[in-house]
Each structure stands twice: as C-alpha cells, then as structure tokens.
Amino acid sequence: MASGRTFEVRHPEMVRVGRTNLLVFFFVSDQPEVFDEWQSVSLMLVESLFHLESLVSP
C-alpha cells in the first residue's frame, strides 16, 4: 500500500476485486468458513503485488 501497510492473501477466496476497491477478508477463529473481519482498500492506493511462495508439507 502507499502507506506501507501490507496484506498477505493466502488463498484467492480471501480477496474480492471491485471496480475501485479491493476487499481483503481475514479469519482468526477455528471456523475458516466464517470471516472474522474484512478490510476495504482503494485500488488507487495499491502500490505493488508480490507472489508469495506457498509452503507445501508432505
């Protein structure tokens, strides 16, 4: 973000892109199907995106 804030989106279902904003969903409870909170972010404030390598356990 232009402010320096970062969001780690670990799954495509945790983000929704609109025309002018981005909704980032978070969950911290034991029920991953229930989102605990969400943040609305203006697309104009997104400075860059990075691909995070996923850790796969055998």
C-alpha atoms as a PDB file:
ATOM      1  CA  MET A   1       0.000   0.000   0.000  1.00  0.00           C
ATOM      2  CA  ALA A   2       1.086   3.587  -0.425  1.00  0.00           C
ATOM      3  CA  SER A   3       1.051   3.869   3.392  1.00  0.00           C
ATOM      4  CA  GLY A   4       3.423   0.918   3.820  1.00  0.00           C
ATOM      5  CA  ARG A   5       0.728  -1.444   5.075  1.00  0.00           C
ATOM      6  CA  THR A   6       0.808  -4.961   3.654  1.00  0.00           C
ATOM      7  CA  PHE A   7      -1.732  -7.767   3.330  1.00  0.00           C
ATOM      8  CA  GLU A   8      -0.837 -11.432   2.845  1.00  0.00           C
ATOM      9  CA  VAL A   9      -3.581 -13.122   0.854  1.00  0.00           C
ATOM     10  CA  ARG A  10      -3.024 -16.866   1.217  1.00  0.00           C
ATOM     11  CA  HIS A  11      -5.994 -18.010  -0.875  1.00  0.00           C
ATOM     12  CA  PRO A  12      -7.865 -16.471  -3.832  1.00  0.00           C
ATOM     13  CA  GLU A  13     -11.168 -16.697  -1.942  1.00  0.00           C
ATOM     14  CA  MET A  14      -9.824 -14.258   0.651  1.00  0.00           C
ATOM     15  CA  VAL A  15      -9.898 -11.281  -1.716  1.00  0.00           C
ATOM     16  CA  ARG A  16     -12.537  -9.718  -3.956  1.00  0.00           C
ATOM     17  CA  VAL A  17     -11.701  -7.124  -6.579  1.00  0.00           C
ATOM     18  CA  GLY A  18     -14.244  -4.458  -7.465  1.00  0.00           C
ATOM     19  CA  ARG A  19     -14.115  -1.540  -9.874  1.00  0.00           C
ATOM     20  CA  THR A  20     -12.488   0.872  -7.455  1.00  0.00           C
ATOM     21  CA  ASN A  21     -11.714  -1.145  -4.341  1.00  0.00           C
ATOM     22  CA  LEU A  22     -10.389  -4.402  -3.025  1.00  0.00           C
ATOM     23  CA  LEU A  23     -11.940  -6.370  -0.154  1.00  0.00           C
ATOM     24  CA  VAL A  24      -9.484  -8.428   1.878  1.00  0.00           C
ATOM     25  CA  PHE A  25     -11.035 -10.985   4.229  1.00  0.00           C
ATOM     26  CA  PHE A  26      -9.425 -12.364   7.420  1.00  0.00           C
ATOM     27  CA  PHE A  27     -10.303 -15.130   9.838  1.00  0.00           C
ATOM     28  CA  VAL A  28      -8.698 -15.861  13.170  1.00  0.00           C
ATOM     29  CA  SER A  29     -11.153 -18.363  14.650  1.00  0.00           C
ATOM     30  CA  ASP A  30     -11.289 -22.137  14.340  1.00  0.00           C
ATOM     31  CA  GLN A  31     -14.065 -21.884  11.739  1.00  0.00           C
ATOM     32  CA  PRO A  32     -12.375 -20.929   8.434  1.00  0.00           C
ATOM     33  CA  GLU A  33     -15.711 -20.683   6.624  1.00  0.00           C
ATOM     34  CA  VAL A  34     -16.649 -17.691   8.813  1.00  0.00           C
ATOM     35  CA  PHE A  35     -14.713 -14.486   8.130  1.00  0.00           C
ATOM     36  CA  ASP A  36     -13.915 -12.568  11.313  1.00  0.00           C
ATOM     37  CA  GLU A  37     -13.209  -9.263   9.636  1.00  0.00           C
ATOM     38  CA  TRP A  38     -12.613  -7.594   6.298  1.00  0.00           C
ATOM     39  CA  GLN A  39     -10.792  -4.519   5.066  1.00  0.00           C
ATOM     40  CA  SER A  40     -11.801  -2.336   2.125  1.00  0.00           C
ATOM     41  CA  VAL A  41      -8.820  -0.956   0.221  1.00  0.00           C
ATOM     42  CA  SER A  42      -8.805   1.591  -2.616  1.00  0.00           C
ATOM     43  CA  LEU A  43      -7.168   0.199  -5.759  1.00  0.00           C
ATOM     44  CA  MET A  44      -5.538   3.601  -6.286  1.00  0.00           C
ATOM     45  CA  LEU A  45      -3.519   3.047  -3.091  1.00  0.00           C
ATOM     46  CA  VAL A  46      -2.155  -0.363  -4.117  1.00  0.00           C
ATOM     47  CA  GLU A  47       1.475   0.199  -4.963  1.00  0.00           C
ATOM     48  CA  SER A  48       2.655  -3.305  -5.912  1.00  0.00           C
ATOM     49  CA  LEU A  49       1.790  -7.010  -5.717  1.00  0.00           C
ATOM     50  CA  PHE A  50       4.104  -9.912  -4.981  1.00  0.00           C
ATOM     51  CA  HIS A  51       3.597 -13.636  -5.407  1.00  0.00           C
ATOM     52  CA  LEU A  52       4.182 -15.495  -2.131  1.00  0.00           C
ATOM     53  CA  GLU A  53       5.683 -18.942  -2.447  1.00  0.00           C
ATOM     54  CA  SER A  54       3.489 -21.463  -0.656  1.00  0.00           C
ATOM     55  CA  LEU A  55       4.953 -23.959   1.760  1.00  0.00           C
ATOM     56  CA  VAL A  56       3.748 -27.457   0.950  1.00  0.00           C
ATOM     57  CA  SER A  57       4.101 -30.122   3.623  1.00  0.00           C
ATOM     58  CA  PRO A  58       4.469 -33.768   2.545  1.00  0.00           C
END
